Amino acid sequence: MIEYSDAEAQPQNEQKVNDVKKCDTRKKRKEITNNISKQLNQVLEAEEEYRDAIPYSFVNRIETAEETIELLVDTINSLTEAY
């Protein structure tokens, strides 16, 4: 495919080095975990809205949503505590 696009392939080693440099300082790692936490909070809010919209007669769905919410909260707390 590269032959047809006239683009040069980035060597895999160079790409791995770039990925490592994204996390090479504590500040960068903290920023990444903060971004992940923000995204997880958005997922958490959406899951809470989903749970609140479930009719009471669907007890199994409510329980599943509550378990998911609990796991998301635990995950967010763990990330926050890590950095």
N, C-alpha and C. Protein backbone atom coordinates (compact mmCIF):
# COMPACT_ATOMS: atom_id res chain seq x y z
N MET A 1 0.82 -1.18 0.00
CA MET A 1 0.00 0.00 0.00
C MET A 1 0.87 1.24 0.00
N ILE A 2 1.98 1.19 0.70
CA ILE A 2 2.88 2.34 0.75
C ILE A 2 3.43 2.65 -0.62
N GLU A 3 3.65 1.61 -1.42
CA GLU A 3 4.17 1.80 -2.77
C GLU A 3 3.23 2.70 -3.59
N TYR A 4 1.94 2.53 -3.39
CA TYR A 4 0.95 3.27 -4.15
C TYR A 4 0.71 4.68 -3.62
N SER A 5 0.95 4.89 -2.36
CA SER A 5 0.66 6.19 -1.78
C SER A 5 1.85 7.15 -1.84
N ASP A 6 3.00 6.68 -2.25
CA ASP A 6 4.22 7.48 -2.31
C ASP A 6 4.60 8.06 -0.94
N ALA A 7 4.18 7.41 0.11
CA ALA A 7 4.53 7.84 1.45
C ALA A 7 5.62 6.93 1.99
N GLU A 8 6.42 7.51 2.83
CA GLU A 8 7.48 6.73 3.45
C GLU A 8 6.95 6.11 4.74
N ALA A 9 7.29 4.88 4.93
CA ALA A 9 6.88 4.20 6.16
C ALA A 9 7.77 4.64 7.30
N GLN A 10 7.14 4.89 8.44
CA GLN A 10 7.91 5.24 9.62
C GLN A 10 8.43 3.95 10.23
N PRO A 11 9.74 3.87 10.48
CA PRO A 11 10.28 2.64 11.07
C PRO A 11 9.61 2.34 12.40
N GLN A 12 9.37 1.05 12.67
CA GLN A 12 8.68 0.67 13.89
C GLN A 12 9.46 1.05 15.13
N ASN A 13 10.77 0.97 15.07
CA ASN A 13 11.58 1.34 16.23
C ASN A 13 11.41 2.81 16.55
N GLU A 14 11.36 3.63 15.53
CA GLU A 14 11.20 5.07 15.74
C GLU A 14 9.83 5.36 16.36
N GLN A 15 8.82 4.65 15.90
CA GLN A 15 7.48 4.84 16.44
C GLN A 15 7.44 4.43 17.90
N LYS A 16 8.08 3.34 18.27
CA LYS A 16 8.11 2.89 19.66
C LYS A 16 8.83 3.91 20.53
N VAL A 17 9.90 4.51 20.03
CA VAL A 17 10.63 5.53 20.79
C VAL A 17 9.74 6.72 21.02
N ASN A 18 8.98 7.13 20.00
CA ASN A 18 8.06 8.26 20.16
C ASN A 18 6.99 7.95 21.20
N ASP A 19 6.47 6.72 21.20
CA ASP A 19 5.48 6.33 22.18
C ASP A 19 6.05 6.36 23.60
N VAL A 20 7.28 5.91 23.75
CA VAL A 20 7.93 5.91 25.05
C VAL A 20 8.16 7.34 25.54
N LYS A 21 8.53 8.23 24.64
CA LYS A 21 8.77 9.63 25.02
C LYS A 21 7.50 10.33 25.48
N LYS A 22 6.35 9.82 25.08
CA LYS A 22 5.09 10.41 25.52
C LYS A 22 4.89 10.21 27.02
N CYS A 23 5.57 9.23 27.59
CA CYS A 23 5.39 8.90 29.01
C CYS A 23 6.70 8.96 29.78
N ASP A 24 7.67 9.66 29.27
CA ASP A 24 8.99 9.58 29.90
C ASP A 24 9.16 10.44 31.15
N THR A 25 8.23 11.34 31.43
CA THR A 25 8.32 12.12 32.66
C THR A 25 7.06 11.92 33.49
N ARG A 26 7.20 12.16 34.76
CA ARG A 26 6.05 12.01 35.67
C ARG A 26 4.94 12.98 35.29
N LYS A 27 5.31 14.18 34.89
CA LYS A 27 4.32 15.18 34.50
C LYS A 27 3.50 14.69 33.30
N LYS A 28 4.15 14.09 32.32
CA LYS A 28 3.45 13.58 31.15
C LYS A 28 2.53 12.42 31.53
N ARG A 29 3.01 11.56 32.41
CA ARG A 29 2.19 10.43 32.85
C ARG A 29 0.96 10.92 33.62
N LYS A 30 1.16 11.93 34.45
CA LYS A 30 0.05 12.50 35.21
C LYS A 30 -0.97 13.13 34.27
N GLU A 31 -0.50 13.82 33.25
CA GLU A 31 -1.39 14.43 32.28
C GLU A 31 -2.20 13.36 31.54
N ILE A 32 -1.54 12.28 31.16
CA ILE A 32 -2.24 11.19 30.47
C ILE A 32 -3.30 10.57 31.37
N THR A 33 -2.95 10.31 32.62
CA THR A 33 -3.93 9.70 33.53
C THR A 33 -5.08 10.67 33.82
N ASN A 34 -4.79 11.97 33.88
CA ASN A 34 -5.87 12.95 34.07
C ASN A 34 -6.82 12.95 32.88
N ASN A 35 -6.28 12.84 31.68
CA ASN A 35 -7.13 12.78 30.49
C ASN A 35 -7.98 11.52 30.49
N ILE A 36 -7.38 10.42 30.89
CA ILE A 36 -8.14 9.16 30.97
C ILE A 36 -9.24 9.29 32.02
N SER A 37 -8.92 9.91 33.15
CA SER A 37 -9.92 10.10 34.20
C SER A 37 -11.08 10.96 33.71
N LYS A 38 -10.77 12.00 32.95
CA LYS A 38 -11.83 12.85 32.40
C LYS A 38 -12.75 12.05 31.49
N GLN A 39 -12.16 11.23 30.65
CA GLN A 39 -12.96 10.40 29.75
C GLN A 39 -13.79 9.39 30.53
N LEU A 40 -13.20 8.79 31.55
CA LEU A 40 -13.94 7.83 32.37
C LEU A 40 -15.08 8.51 33.12
N ASN A 41 -14.87 9.75 33.54
CA ASN A 41 -15.95 10.50 34.19
C ASN A 41 -17.11 10.75 33.23
N GLN A 42 -16.79 11.00 31.97
CA GLN A 42 -17.84 11.15 30.97
C GLN A 42 -18.61 9.85 30.77
N VAL A 43 -17.87 8.74 30.74
CA VAL A 43 -18.51 7.43 30.62
C VAL A 43 -19.37 7.17 31.85
N LEU A 44 -18.86 7.53 33.01
CA LEU A 44 -19.61 7.35 34.26
C LEU A 44 -20.91 8.14 34.23
N GLU A 45 -20.86 9.40 33.80
CA GLU A 45 -22.07 10.20 33.72
C GLU A 45 -23.09 9.58 32.76
N ALA A 46 -22.60 9.11 31.63
CA ALA A 46 -23.49 8.48 30.66
C ALA A 46 -24.11 7.20 31.23
N GLU A 47 -23.33 6.44 31.96
CA GLU A 47 -23.84 5.20 32.56
C GLU A 47 -24.88 5.52 33.64
N GLU A 48 -24.65 6.58 34.40
CA GLU A 48 -25.63 6.98 35.41
C GLU A 48 -26.94 7.43 34.76
N GLU A 49 -26.84 8.17 33.66
CA GLU A 49 -28.03 8.58 32.93
C GLU A 49 -28.77 7.36 32.38
N TYR A 50 -28.01 6.41 31.87
CA TYR A 50 -28.60 5.17 31.37
C TYR A 50 -29.34 4.44 32.49
N ARG A 51 -28.69 4.32 33.64
CA ARG A 51 -29.30 3.63 34.78
C ARG A 51 -30.59 4.33 35.22
N ASP A 52 -30.55 5.65 35.26
CA ASP A 52 -31.71 6.41 35.70
C ASP A 52 -32.88 6.31 34.72
N ALA A 53 -32.59 6.01 33.47
CA ALA A 53 -33.64 5.91 32.45
C ALA A 53 -34.23 4.51 32.33
N ILE A 54 -33.64 3.55 33.04
CA ILE A 54 -34.13 2.17 32.96
C ILE A 54 -35.42 2.05 33.78
N PRO A 55 -36.48 1.50 33.18
CA PRO A 55 -37.71 1.28 33.95
C PRO A 55 -37.45 0.34 35.13
N TYR A 56 -38.16 0.57 36.21
CA TYR A 56 -37.95 -0.20 37.43
C TYR A 56 -38.17 -1.70 37.22
N SER A 57 -38.98 -2.05 36.25
CA SER A 57 -39.29 -3.47 36.03
C SER A 57 -38.09 -4.26 35.50
N PHE A 58 -37.08 -3.56 34.98
CA PHE A 58 -35.88 -4.23 34.47
C PHE A 58 -34.78 -4.25 35.54
N VAL A 59 -35.02 -5.00 36.57
CA VAL A 59 -34.12 -5.04 37.72
C VAL A 59 -32.72 -5.50 37.32
N ASN A 60 -32.62 -6.48 36.44
CA ASN A 60 -31.31 -7.00 36.04
C ASN A 60 -30.47 -5.92 35.36
N ARG A 61 -31.09 -5.13 34.52
CA ARG A 61 -30.35 -4.05 33.85
C ARG A 61 -29.88 -3.00 34.84
N ILE A 62 -30.73 -2.70 35.80
CA ILE A 62 -30.36 -1.70 36.82
C ILE A 62 -29.17 -2.21 37.62
N GLU A 63 -29.21 -3.47 38.03
CA GLU A 63 -28.11 -4.06 38.80
C GLU A 63 -26.81 -4.05 38.00
N THR A 64 -26.89 -4.38 36.72
CA THR A 64 -25.71 -4.38 35.86
C THR A 64 -25.14 -2.97 35.74
N ALA A 65 -26.01 -2.00 35.55
CA ALA A 65 -25.57 -0.61 35.44
C ALA A 65 -24.91 -0.15 36.74
N GLU A 66 -25.49 -0.53 37.86
CA GLU A 66 -24.92 -0.14 39.16
C GLU A 66 -23.55 -0.78 39.38
N GLU A 67 -23.39 -2.02 38.96
CA GLU A 67 -22.08 -2.68 39.05
C GLU A 67 -21.06 -1.96 38.18
N THR A 68 -21.47 -1.59 36.98
CA THR A 68 -20.58 -0.87 36.07
C THR A 68 -20.18 0.47 36.68
N ILE A 69 -21.15 1.17 37.25
CA ILE A 69 -20.87 2.47 37.88
C ILE A 69 -19.87 2.30 39.01
N GLU A 70 -20.08 1.28 39.83
CA GLU A 70 -19.17 1.03 40.95
C GLU A 70 -17.74 0.76 40.46
N LEU A 71 -17.61 -0.04 39.41
CA LEU A 71 -16.29 -0.34 38.86
C LEU A 71 -15.64 0.91 38.27
N LEU A 72 -16.43 1.73 37.60
CA LEU A 72 -15.88 2.98 37.04
C LEU A 72 -15.40 3.91 38.14
N VAL A 73 -16.19 4.03 39.19
CA VAL A 73 -15.79 4.89 40.32
C VAL A 73 -14.49 4.38 40.94
N ASP A 74 -14.39 3.07 41.13
CA ASP A 74 -13.16 2.49 41.69
C ASP A 74 -11.96 2.76 40.78
N THR A 75 -12.17 2.62 39.49
CA THR A 75 -11.08 2.85 38.53
C THR A 75 -10.63 4.30 38.56
N ILE A 76 -11.58 5.21 38.55
CA ILE A 76 -11.25 6.64 38.58
C ILE A 76 -10.50 6.99 39.87
N ASN A 77 -10.98 6.45 40.98
CA ASN A 77 -10.31 6.71 42.26
C ASN A 77 -8.88 6.15 42.26
N SER A 78 -8.70 4.99 41.69
CA SER A 78 -7.36 4.40 41.63
C SER A 78 -6.41 5.26 40.79
N LEU A 79 -6.90 5.74 39.65
CA LEU A 79 -6.06 6.62 38.82
C LEU A 79 -5.73 7.91 39.54
N THR A 80 -6.70 8.46 40.23
CA THR A 80 -6.50 9.71 40.95
C THR A 80 -5.47 9.53 42.08
N GLU A 81 -5.56 8.40 42.76
CA GLU A 81 -4.62 8.12 43.83
C GLU A 81 -3.20 7.87 43.30
N ALA A 82 -3.11 7.31 42.12
CA ALA A 82 -1.80 6.99 41.55
C ALA A 82 -1.00 8.26 41.26
N TYR A 83 -1.68 9.30 40.80
CA TYR A 83 -1.00 10.56 40.49
C TYR A 83 -1.72 11.69 41.16
